[in-house]
Protein backbone atom coordinates (compact mmCIF):
# COMPACT_ATOMS: atom_id res chain seq x y z
CA UNK A 1 -20.20 22.51 0.54
CA UNK A 2 -17.70 21.50 -2.08
CA UNK A 3 -16.41 17.91 -2.06
CA UNK A 4 -13.46 16.55 -4.00
CA UNK A 5 -12.27 12.95 -3.60
CA UNK A 6 -8.67 12.13 -4.53
CA UNK A 7 -7.74 8.53 -5.24
CA UNK A 8 -4.27 7.07 -5.65
CA UNK A 9 -4.61 3.75 -7.48
CA UNK A 10 -1.14 2.55 -6.55
CA UNK A 11 -1.91 2.95 -2.85
CA UNK A 12 -5.67 2.25 -3.24
CA UNK A 13 -5.97 5.31 -0.99
CA UNK A 14 -8.61 8.02 -0.82
CA UNK A 15 -8.30 11.53 0.60
CA UNK A 16 -10.77 14.37 0.61
CA UNK A 17 -11.06 18.14 0.25
CA UNK A 18 -14.14 19.76 1.76
CA UNK A 19 -14.63 23.40 0.82
CA UNK A 20 -17.01 26.11 1.97
CA UNK A 21 -18.06 28.28 -0.97
CA UNK A 22 -19.20 31.12 1.28
CA UNK A 23 -16.00 31.57 3.27
CA UNK A 24 -13.54 30.18 0.72
CA UNK A 25 -12.03 27.90 3.38
CA UNK A 26 -11.30 24.21 2.98
CA UNK A 27 -10.19 21.22 5.03
CA UNK A 28 -8.16 18.31 3.62
CA UNK A 29 -8.47 14.90 5.26
CA UNK A 30 -5.88 12.10 4.99
CA UNK A 31 -3.60 13.70 2.37
CA UNK A 32 -0.80 11.62 0.94
CA UNK A 33 2.66 12.95 0.14
CA UNK A 34 1.84 14.26 -3.34
CA UNK A 35 0.54 17.56 -1.98
CA UNK A 36 0.57 19.22 -5.41
CA UNK A 37 -2.81 17.66 -6.22
CA UNK A 38 -4.44 19.31 -3.21
CA UNK A 39 -2.87 22.68 -3.96
CA UNK A 40 -3.98 22.55 -7.60
CA UNK A 41 -7.52 21.48 -6.77
CA UNK A 42 -7.93 24.14 -4.09
CA UNK A 43 -6.79 26.78 -6.57
CA UNK A 44 -9.21 25.48 -9.20
CA UNK A 45 -12.07 25.57 -6.69
CA UNK A 46 -10.97 29.00 -5.45
CA UNK A 47 -10.70 27.94 -1.82
CA UNK A 48 -7.88 28.22 0.69
CA UNK A 49 -6.75 25.16 2.59
CA UNK A 50 -7.23 26.35 6.16
CA UNK A 51 -7.21 23.01 7.97
CA UNK A 52 -5.45 19.68 7.46
CA UNK A 53 -6.17 16.52 9.42
CA UNK A 54 -5.90 12.75 9.28
CA UNK A 55 -7.87 9.88 10.74
CA UNK A 56 -4.91 7.98 12.20
CA UNK A 57 -1.20 7.20 11.97
CA UNK A 58 -1.06 5.55 8.58
CA UNK A 59 0.87 2.35 7.90
CA UNK A 60 0.67 2.10 4.12
CA UNK A 61 1.93 5.48 2.91
CA UNK A 62 3.78 8.53 4.12
CA UNK A 63 1.27 11.09 5.32
CA UNK A 64 1.20 14.45 3.56
CA UNK A 65 -0.52 16.24 6.45
CA UNK A 66 2.61 17.85 7.84
CA UNK A 67 3.86 18.85 4.39
CA UNK A 68 0.53 20.31 3.29
CA UNK A 69 0.08 22.30 6.49
CA UNK A 70 3.63 23.63 6.15
CA UNK A 71 3.11 24.63 2.50
CA UNK A 72 -0.26 26.36 3.05
CA UNK A 73 -0.03 27.73 6.59
CA UNK A 74 -3.07 25.63 7.46
CA UNK A 75 -3.85 24.55 11.00
CA UNK A 76 -2.94 20.90 11.58
CA UNK A 77 -5.28 18.67 13.61
CA UNK A 78 -4.06 15.31 14.97
CA UNK A 79 -5.48 12.64 17.24
CA UNK A 80 -4.77 12.83 20.95
CA UNK A 81 -6.37 9.44 21.62
CA UNK A 82 -4.75 6.02 21.98
CA UNK A 83 -2.32 6.77 24.80
CA UNK A 84 1.29 7.89 24.85
CA UNK A 85 2.59 5.07 22.63
CA UNK A 86 0.34 6.28 19.81
CA UNK A 87 0.77 10.01 20.11
CA UNK A 88 2.35 12.13 17.37
CA UNK A 89 5.94 12.91 18.25
CA UNK A 90 6.06 16.02 16.05
CA UNK A 91 2.71 17.52 17.06
CA UNK A 92 4.16 20.24 19.31
CA UNK A 93 6.81 21.32 16.78
CA UNK A 94 4.16 21.53 14.06
CA UNK A 95 1.81 23.57 16.25
CA UNK A 96 -0.89 20.93 15.86
CA UNK A 97 -4.24 21.05 17.62
CA UNK A 98 -4.81 17.73 19.38
CA UNK A 99 -8.26 16.19 19.05
CA UNK A 100 -10.14 13.99 21.47
CA UNK A 101 -13.50 12.27 21.17
CA UNK A 102 -16.23 14.85 20.57
CA UNK A 103 -13.94 17.76 19.65
CA UNK A 104 -14.98 19.98 16.76
CA UNK A 105 -13.49 22.45 14.31
CA UNK A 106 -14.92 24.44 11.41
CA UNK A 107 -13.99 25.53 7.91
CA UNK A 108 -16.49 28.27 7.22
CA UNK A 109 -19.92 26.64 7.42
CA UNK A 110 -18.47 23.12 7.40
CA UNK A 111 -18.45 21.57 10.86
CA UNK A 112 -16.19 18.60 11.61
CA UNK A 113 -16.58 16.49 14.74
CA UNK A 114 -14.05 13.86 15.81
CA UNK A 115 -15.23 10.49 17.09
CA UNK A 116 -12.73 8.10 18.65
CA UNK A 117 -13.15 4.81 16.75
CA UNK A 118 -10.26 2.58 17.85
CA UNK A 119 -9.64 -0.98 16.70
CA UNK A 120 -7.70 -0.65 13.49
CA UNK A 121 -5.32 1.53 15.51
CA UNK A 122 -5.65 2.85 19.08
CA UNK A 123 -5.71 6.53 18.09
CA UNK A 124 -8.11 6.26 15.13
CA UNK A 125 -10.66 9.05 14.62
CA UNK A 126 -13.71 9.18 12.40
CA UNK A 127 -14.90 12.65 11.32
CA UNK A 128 -18.58 13.52 11.17
CA UNK A 129 -19.18 16.26 8.58
CA UNK A 130 -22.08 18.72 8.78
CA UNK A 131 -22.84 21.25 6.04
CA UNK A 132 -23.89 24.06 8.35
CA UNK A 133 -25.15 26.18 5.46
CA UNK A 134 -28.04 23.81 4.84
CA UNK A 135 -28.27 21.30 7.71
CA UNK A 136 -27.98 20.81 11.45
CA UNK A 137 -26.98 17.14 11.39
CA UNK A 138 -24.06 15.31 9.73
CA UNK A 139 -24.31 14.35 6.07
CA UNK A 140 -21.33 12.01 6.10
CA UNK A 141 -18.55 10.37 8.06
CA UNK A 142 -14.93 10.26 6.90
CA UNK A 143 -14.19 6.79 8.22
CA UNK A 144 -10.51 6.40 7.32
CA UNK A 145 -9.58 2.76 8.00
CA UNK A 146 -12.48 2.12 10.39
CA UNK A 147 -15.31 1.20 8.01
CA UNK A 148 -14.83 0.45 4.32
CA UNK A 149 -17.41 -0.41 1.69
CA UNK A 150 -18.02 -4.09 2.39
CA UNK A 151 -15.38 -4.51 5.07
CA UNK A 152 -13.75 -3.00 8.16
CA UNK A 153 -10.18 -2.06 8.98
CA UNK A 154 -7.96 -4.94 9.99
CA UNK A 155 -7.03 -5.00 13.69
CA UNK A 156 -3.90 -7.13 13.35
CA UNK A 157 -1.44 -4.58 11.95
CA UNK A 158 -0.10 -3.45 15.32
CA UNK A 159 1.11 -6.98 15.94
CA UNK A 160 1.96 -8.14 12.43
CA UNK A 161 3.42 -4.91 11.02
CA UNK A 162 4.39 -2.72 13.99
CA UNK A 163 5.59 -5.72 16.07
CA UNK A 164 3.47 -4.88 19.12
CA UNK A 165 3.09 -8.42 20.41
CA UNK A 166 -0.18 -9.74 21.77
CA UNK A 167 -2.42 -6.94 20.50
CA UNK A 168 -4.44 -8.61 17.72
CA UNK A 169 -7.27 -10.05 19.78
CA UNK A 170 -7.69 -7.01 22.01
CA UNK A 171 -7.69 -4.71 18.98
CA UNK A 172 -10.33 -6.88 17.34
CA UNK A 173 -12.52 -6.65 20.45
CA UNK A 174 -12.03 -2.88 20.52
CA UNK A 175 -13.03 -2.67 16.86
CA UNK A 176 -16.19 -4.67 17.57
CA UNK A 177 -17.17 -2.21 20.30
CA UNK A 178 -16.39 0.80 18.09
CA UNK A 179 -18.71 -0.61 15.42
CA UNK A 180 -21.47 -1.20 17.95
CA UNK A 181 -21.13 2.38 19.18
CA UNK A 182 -21.17 3.76 15.65
CA UNK A 183 -24.49 2.09 14.85
CA UNK A 184 -26.16 4.87 16.85
CA UNK A 185 -25.66 7.07 13.78
CA UNK A 186 -28.56 7.34 11.29
CA UNK A 187 -28.89 5.03 8.27
CA UNK A 188 -28.72 7.93 5.80
CA UNK A 189 -25.20 8.89 6.93
CA UNK A 190 -22.84 8.67 3.97
CA UNK A 191 -19.55 6.85 4.55
CA UNK A 192 -16.43 8.16 2.82
CA UNK A 193 -13.66 5.60 3.51
CA UNK A 194 -9.91 5.97 3.25
CA UNK A 195 -9.25 2.96 1.00
CA UNK A 196 -10.72 0.93 -1.83
CA UNK A 197 -10.16 -2.45 -3.44
CA UNK A 198 -6.52 -3.51 -3.48
CA UNK A 199 -5.52 -2.00 -0.15
CA UNK A 200 -3.77 -4.23 2.37
CA UNK A 201 -5.53 -2.33 5.19
CA UNK A 202 -8.53 -4.65 4.84
CA UNK A 203 -9.34 -8.07 3.51
CA UNK A 204 -12.19 -7.67 0.98
CA UNK A 205 -12.70 -3.99 0.20
CA UNK A 206 -15.13 -2.99 -2.51
CA UNK A 207 -14.18 -0.83 -5.47
CA UNK A 208 -17.31 1.29 -4.88
CA UNK A 209 -16.04 4.68 -3.62
CA UNK A 210 -18.61 5.39 -0.93
CA UNK A 211 -21.64 3.97 0.83
CA UNK A 212 -24.17 4.70 3.56
CA UNK A 213 -24.35 3.32 7.05
CA UNK A 214 -27.74 1.79 6.27
CA UNK A 215 -26.35 -0.09 3.30
CA UNK A 216 -23.36 -1.36 5.27
CA UNK A 217 -25.65 -2.49 8.09
CA UNK A 218 -27.43 -4.72 5.57
CA UNK A 219 -24.55 -5.98 3.44
CA UNK A 220 -21.23 -5.53 5.28
CA UNK A 221 -20.34 -8.82 6.96
CA UNK A 222 -18.99 -7.07 10.08
CA UNK A 223 -22.36 -5.54 11.00
CA UNK A 224 -24.09 -8.91 10.75
CA UNK A 225 -21.99 -10.42 13.56
CA UNK A 226 -23.47 -9.72 16.97
CA UNK A 227 -21.30 -12.12 18.99
CA UNK A 228 -17.99 -10.56 19.98
CA UNK A 229 -15.99 -13.81 20.02
CA UNK A 230 -17.27 -14.76 16.57
CA UNK A 231 -16.39 -11.29 15.26
CA UNK A 232 -12.84 -11.62 16.62
CA UNK A 233 -12.42 -14.98 14.93
CA UNK A 234 -13.73 -13.79 11.57
CA UNK A 235 -11.96 -10.43 11.44
CA UNK A 236 -8.57 -12.02 12.09
CA UNK A 237 -9.04 -14.94 9.69
CA UNK A 238 -7.55 -14.77 6.21
CA UNK A 239 -5.93 -11.36 6.49
CA UNK A 240 -3.21 -10.89 3.85
CA UNK A 241 0.42 -10.54 4.86
CA UNK A 242 1.06 -6.88 5.71
CA UNK A 243 3.82 -5.48 3.51
CA UNK A 244 7.19 -5.26 5.23
CA UNK A 245 7.31 -1.47 4.93
CA UNK A 246 4.14 -0.94 7.00
CA UNK A 247 6.14 -0.88 10.22
CA UNK A 248 8.48 1.73 8.73
CA UNK A 249 5.51 3.86 7.67
CA UNK A 250 4.10 3.79 11.20
CA UNK A 251 7.40 5.05 12.60
CA UNK A 252 7.82 7.77 9.96
CA UNK A 253 4.27 9.04 10.35
CA UNK A 254 4.42 9.02 14.14
CA UNK A 255 7.79 10.74 14.39
CA UNK A 256 7.07 13.20 11.57
CA UNK A 257 7.63 12.83 7.81
CA UNK A 258 10.46 14.78 6.28
CA UNK A 259 9.32 17.97 4.53
CA UNK A 260 10.08 17.66 0.82
CA UNK A 261 9.25 21.25 -0.15
CA UNK A 262 8.47 20.24 -3.73
CA UNK A 263 8.40 17.26 -6.09
CA UNK A 264 11.21 14.76 -5.34
CA UNK A 265 13.88 14.42 -8.00
CA UNK A 266 16.79 12.15 -8.90
CA UNK A 267 19.69 12.69 -11.31
CA UNK A 268 19.96 10.95 -14.66
CA UNK A 269 23.08 8.79 -14.79
CA UNK A 270 25.26 7.70 -17.69
CA UNK A 271 24.99 4.03 -18.76
CA UNK A 272 28.70 3.46 -18.10
CA UNK A 273 28.13 4.19 -14.39
CA UNK A 274 25.94 1.11 -13.91
CA UNK A 275 28.60 -1.65 -13.78
CA UNK A 276 30.51 -0.08 -10.89
CA UNK A 277 27.30 0.45 -8.94
CA UNK A 278 26.29 -3.19 -9.29
CA UNK A 279 29.79 -4.37 -8.37
CA UNK A 280 29.51 -2.33 -5.16
CA UNK A 281 26.24 -4.08 -4.25
CA UNK A 282 23.86 -1.26 -5.16
CA UNK A 283 20.14 -2.04 -5.22
CA UNK A 284 18.87 -1.38 -8.75
CA UNK A 285 15.19 -1.60 -9.66
CA UNK A 286 14.40 -2.26 -13.32
CA UNK A 287 11.04 -0.50 -13.68
CA UNK A 288 10.57 -1.42 -17.33
CA UNK A 289 7.62 -3.69 -18.30
CA UNK A 290 8.04 -7.27 -17.14
CA UNK A 291 8.28 -8.66 -20.67
CA UNK A 292 11.19 -6.30 -21.43
CA UNK A 293 13.04 -7.52 -18.34
CA UNK A 294 12.36 -11.16 -19.19
CA UNK A 295 13.74 -10.73 -22.70
CA UNK A 296 16.90 -8.89 -21.68
CA UNK A 297 18.12 -7.34 -18.45
CA UNK A 298 21.26 -6.41 -16.57
CA UNK A 299 22.14 -9.22 -14.14
CA UNK A 300 21.78 -8.25 -10.50
CA UNK A 301 18.80 -5.93 -11.02
CA UNK A 302 15.30 -6.52 -9.64
CA UNK A 303 12.24 -6.27 -11.86
CA UNK A 304 9.46 -4.15 -10.36
CA UNK A 305 7.42 -2.78 -13.30
CA UNK A 306 6.17 0.79 -13.03
CA UNK A 307 2.47 -0.05 -12.81
CA UNK A 308 -0.28 0.03 -10.19
CA UNK A 309 1.63 -2.44 -7.96
CA UNK A 310 4.97 -0.60 -8.13
CA UNK A 311 4.83 0.97 -4.67
CA UNK A 312 3.63 -2.23 -3.02
CA UNK A 313 6.49 -4.39 -4.26
CA UNK A 314 9.12 -1.67 -3.97
CA UNK A 315 8.11 -1.32 -0.32
CA UNK A 316 8.40 -5.06 0.18
CA UNK A 317 11.73 -5.53 -1.59
CA UNK A 318 13.76 -2.29 -1.60
CA UNK A 319 15.97 -1.29 1.34
CA UNK A 320 15.23 1.83 3.36
CA UNK A 321 18.76 2.13 4.72
CA UNK A 322 20.71 2.50 1.45
CA UNK A 323 20.55 4.27 -1.89
CA UNK A 324 18.25 2.92 -4.59
CA UNK A 325 18.76 3.24 -8.33
CA UNK A 326 16.26 2.89 -11.17
CA UNK A 327 16.18 1.77 -14.78
CA UNK A 328 13.16 3.12 -16.70
CA UNK A 329 12.03 2.56 -20.25
CA UNK A 330 12.09 6.24 -21.25
CA UNK A 331 14.33 8.51 -19.20
CA UNK A 332 13.34 11.50 -21.34
CA UNK A 333 9.63 11.13 -20.61
CA UNK A 334 7.47 11.26 -17.50
CA UNK A 335 8.60 7.92 -16.11
CA UNK A 336 11.48 9.31 -14.08
CA UNK A 337 9.32 11.81 -12.19
CA UNK A 338 6.55 9.24 -11.78
CA UNK A 339 8.83 6.53 -10.40
CA UNK A 340 10.65 8.83 -7.98
CA UNK A 341 7.35 10.28 -6.74
CA UNK A 342 5.83 6.82 -6.27
CA UNK A 343 8.79 5.70 -4.18
CA UNK A 344 8.61 8.85 -2.06
CA UNK A 345 4.96 8.06 -1.30
CA UNK A 346 6.17 5.13 0.81
CA UNK A 347 9.23 6.88 2.22
CA UNK A 348 11.85 5.52 -0.19
CA UNK A 349 13.53 8.90 -0.49
CA UNK A 350 17.05 7.69 -1.27
CA UNK A 351 16.71 7.42 -5.04
CA UNK A 352 20.28 8.30 -5.96
CA UNK A 353 20.04 8.04 -9.72
CA UNK A 354 18.07 6.89 -12.75
CA UNK A 355 19.14 5.14 -15.95
CA UNK A 356 17.27 4.92 -19.22
CA UNK A 357 16.72 1.65 -21.09
CA UNK A 358 19.87 2.37 -23.07
CA UNK A 359 21.83 1.25 -20.02
CA UNK A 360 20.80 -2.32 -20.85
CA UNK A 361 21.98 -1.95 -24.46
CA UNK A 362 25.23 -0.33 -23.29
CA UNK A 363 25.84 -3.22 -20.90
CA UNK A 364 25.52 -5.67 -23.78
CA UNK A 365 27.56 -3.51 -26.16
CA UNK A 366 30.44 -3.50 -23.69
CA UNK A 367 30.78 -7.26 -24.06
CA UNK A 368 28.92 -8.19 -20.87
CA UNK A 369 26.20 -10.81 -20.94
CA UNK A 370 22.62 -9.78 -20.32
CA UNK A 371 20.22 -12.02 -18.44
CA UNK A 372 16.82 -13.36 -19.42
CA UNK A 373 13.92 -15.16 -17.76
CA UNK A 374 12.44 -18.15 -19.55
CA UNK A 375 8.66 -17.68 -19.64
CA UNK A 376 6.77 -20.97 -19.95
CA UNK A 377 3.20 -22.08 -20.44
CA UNK A 378 1.35 -24.66 -18.38
CA UNK A 379 2.40 -27.65 -20.48
CA UNK A 380 6.11 -26.91 -20.47
CA UNK A 381 6.03 -25.85 -16.81
CA UNK A 382 4.34 -29.10 -15.75
CA UNK A 383 6.86 -31.12 -17.78
CA UNK A 384 9.78 -29.38 -16.11
CA UNK A 385 8.32 -30.07 -12.67
CA UNK A 386 7.91 -33.75 -13.60
CA UNK A 387 11.56 -33.73 -14.68
CA UNK A 388 12.68 -32.55 -11.23
CA UNK A 389 12.32 -28.76 -11.19
CA UNK A 390 11.09 -27.17 -7.95
CA UNK A 391 7.64 -25.62 -8.25
CA UNK A 392 7.63 -22.38 -6.23
CA UNK A 393 4.34 -20.72 -5.28
CA UNK A 394 4.81 -17.04 -4.34
CA UNK A 395 1.17 -16.20 -3.62
CA UNK A 396 -0.08 -15.08 -0.22
CA UNK A 397 -0.97 -17.40 2.63
CA UNK A 398 -4.74 -17.12 2.15
CA UNK A 399 -4.42 -17.92 -1.56
CA UNK A 400 -2.28 -20.97 -0.77
CA UNK A 401 -4.75 -22.22 1.82
CA UNK A 402 -7.63 -21.85 -0.64
CA UNK A 403 -5.87 -24.19 -3.09
CA UNK A 404 -2.39 -25.07 -4.32
CA UNK A 405 -0.40 -27.54 -6.38
CA UNK A 406 0.61 -30.65 -4.39
CA UNK A 407 4.34 -30.73 -3.75
CA UNK A 408 4.89 -27.02 -4.42
CA UNK A 409 7.10 -24.96 -2.11
CA UNK A 410 5.26 -21.97 -0.71
CA UNK A 411 7.16 -18.74 -0.05
CA UNK A 412 5.16 -15.49 -0.50
CA UNK A 413 6.95 -13.03 -2.77
CA UNK A 414 7.56 -10.47 -0.04
CA UNK A 415 9.61 -13.00 1.97
CA UNK A 416 11.40 -14.67 -0.92
CA UNK A 417 14.72 -12.83 -0.75
CA UNK A 418 15.27 -13.91 2.87
CA UNK A 419 14.05 -17.50 2.42
CA UNK A 420 15.72 -18.60 -0.81
CA UNK A 421 17.81 -21.09 1.18
CA UNK A 422 14.61 -23.14 1.65
CA UNK A 423 14.73 -24.10 -2.02
CA UNK A 424 16.69 -27.23 -3.02
CA UNK A 425 20.20 -26.12 -3.91
CA UNK A 426 21.12 -26.32 -7.58
CA UNK A 427 17.67 -27.36 -8.78
CA UNK A 428 15.82 -25.54 -11.58
CA UNK A 429 12.86 -23.49 -10.34
CA UNK A 430 9.46 -23.01 -11.95
CA UNK A 431 7.83 -20.07 -10.19
CA UNK A 432 4.16 -19.14 -10.25
CA UNK A 433 1.65 -16.81 -8.62
CA UNK A 434 -2.06 -16.49 -9.41
CA UNK A 435 -1.85 -14.92 -12.84
CA UNK A 436 1.76 -14.08 -13.67
CA UNK A 437 2.63 -10.60 -12.38
CA UNK A 438 4.17 -11.56 -9.02
CA UNK A 439 6.00 -14.56 -10.44
CA UNK A 440 7.81 -12.28 -12.90
CA UNK A 441 9.12 -10.20 -10.00
CA UNK A 442 9.97 -13.36 -8.06
CA UNK A 443 11.97 -14.68 -11.01
CA UNK A 444 14.15 -11.55 -10.88
CA UNK A 445 14.68 -12.01 -7.13
CA UNK A 446 15.79 -15.60 -7.74
CA UNK A 447 18.13 -14.58 -10.58
CA UNK A 448 19.70 -11.83 -8.46
CA UNK A 449 20.30 -14.38 -5.69
CA UNK A 450 22.20 -16.63 -8.08
CA UNK A 451 19.60 -19.26 -8.99
CA UNK A 452 20.86 -20.29 -12.41
CA UNK A 453 17.77 -21.79 -14.02
CA UNK A 454 14.48 -19.98 -13.46
CA UNK A 455 11.25 -20.45 -15.40
CA UNK A 456 8.28 -18.11 -15.00
CA UNK A 457 4.93 -19.91 -15.29
CA UNK A 458 3.10 -17.01 -16.91
CA UNK A 459 -0.45 -18.39 -16.62
CA UNK A 460 -0.03 -18.98 -12.90
CA UNK A 461 -2.13 -21.10 -10.59
CA UNK A 462 -5.30 -20.02 -12.38
CA UNK A 463 -3.99 -21.50 -15.61
CA UNK A 464 -2.80 -24.64 -13.83
CA UNK A 465 -6.26 -25.24 -12.36
CA UNK A 466 -7.99 -24.45 -15.65
CA UNK A 467 -5.81 -27.01 -17.42
CA UNK A 468 -7.16 -29.70 -15.10
CA UNK A 469 -3.82 -30.48 -13.48
CA UNK A 470 -3.69 -31.74 -9.86
CA UNK A 471 -4.75 -29.16 -7.25
CA UNK A 472 -5.22 -29.56 -3.53
CA UNK A 473 -8.27 -27.54 -2.49
CA UNK A 474 -8.75 -25.96 0.93
CA UNK A 475 -5.78 -27.75 2.44
CA UNK A 476 -4.14 -25.74 5.20
CA UNK A 477 -1.09 -27.97 5.29
């Protein structure tokens, strides 16, 4: 059996290709929308993708299952568990085979058995994988968002992201029972999860790519809890805010992602086109490095640097119902294709045009004023707060509850654009996060909303604490 693990660092998402050398057939599990990587790897391994499947209806990225099956002629397998509300709306049109608990399919000598493991989502499947050429029992389980290394899938997303009220506790209880059932599997069973550290689909995922059930039984907190009520309390506590776009992803993946047919593209635009777009209210993402934006930017644009967090914050802040435009540092290089692809991974398909960094210079050369963000250290930031500036903390709820600066206003970055009115009108703002990356984005949101004086505390809360300034620890107020 051939095994290839794909990992998208921006999504903290893993997918897998399992290939049978004897038959030349392969199955791909949980593909994302960049299907070129699966096609290229299959060609390099000299196997044909005969089957495509996924563990559940994903909330954090657009699934590539439909696209990959369409491009390769592979048979598509989808869950038929979870009830009508969690069935795939496009399954019949795509000719998909619907799987229930215990169902099996094969790719040459590779045998795949579906186990219904609900809790993270009602329809979730885990796939037991047996290498029939050498064994009669499973070697591994593709656990999707059921079991991670060091954690388990969060059961609150149906309520917090998909707006299915009153489902968190019941989902947590279902997850507890799924875990108890899964412990019947042997300790040697390898676990190949669908996410790693940085994913919002769990709370404390490890960066280690895979584990065994025996190891997780000993060191994963969730297996140590034998009381159901205590498990429910712990699994729901401290979960990070689910990104706003998660609900949109659920809908897209349930109804059927649009077939791209190839890499997504966007036209390059002339710098002189930018002023009219901004005057019309267009949403423009400046994807240049944060320090470039802070030094000089076009007013009205939002800074979301093209780095590992690009998709996360674009999904939080960019609209899905209107065109989006980009400014990149080098329009002649790979950044255009990279940025457009990254946005398509979370369903932001309406990228109507891209500008190079020269658009910022052209704006200034035309006599218009560019904007800047004043970046301050701990000393200057503290002085400005003492002088009357509002200290704005844009970290997540769990971070705030673990410790924060007394008197600070807390608005997580993802909610800032809709809650700016909570800030004192006309007052200068000193904004901070934990280490400086989120506060830089927040500063651009504030500037776009018309806050005149914004200061980015670049060392963040970590620097504030290290400097020995007042901190309130463990206060949930």
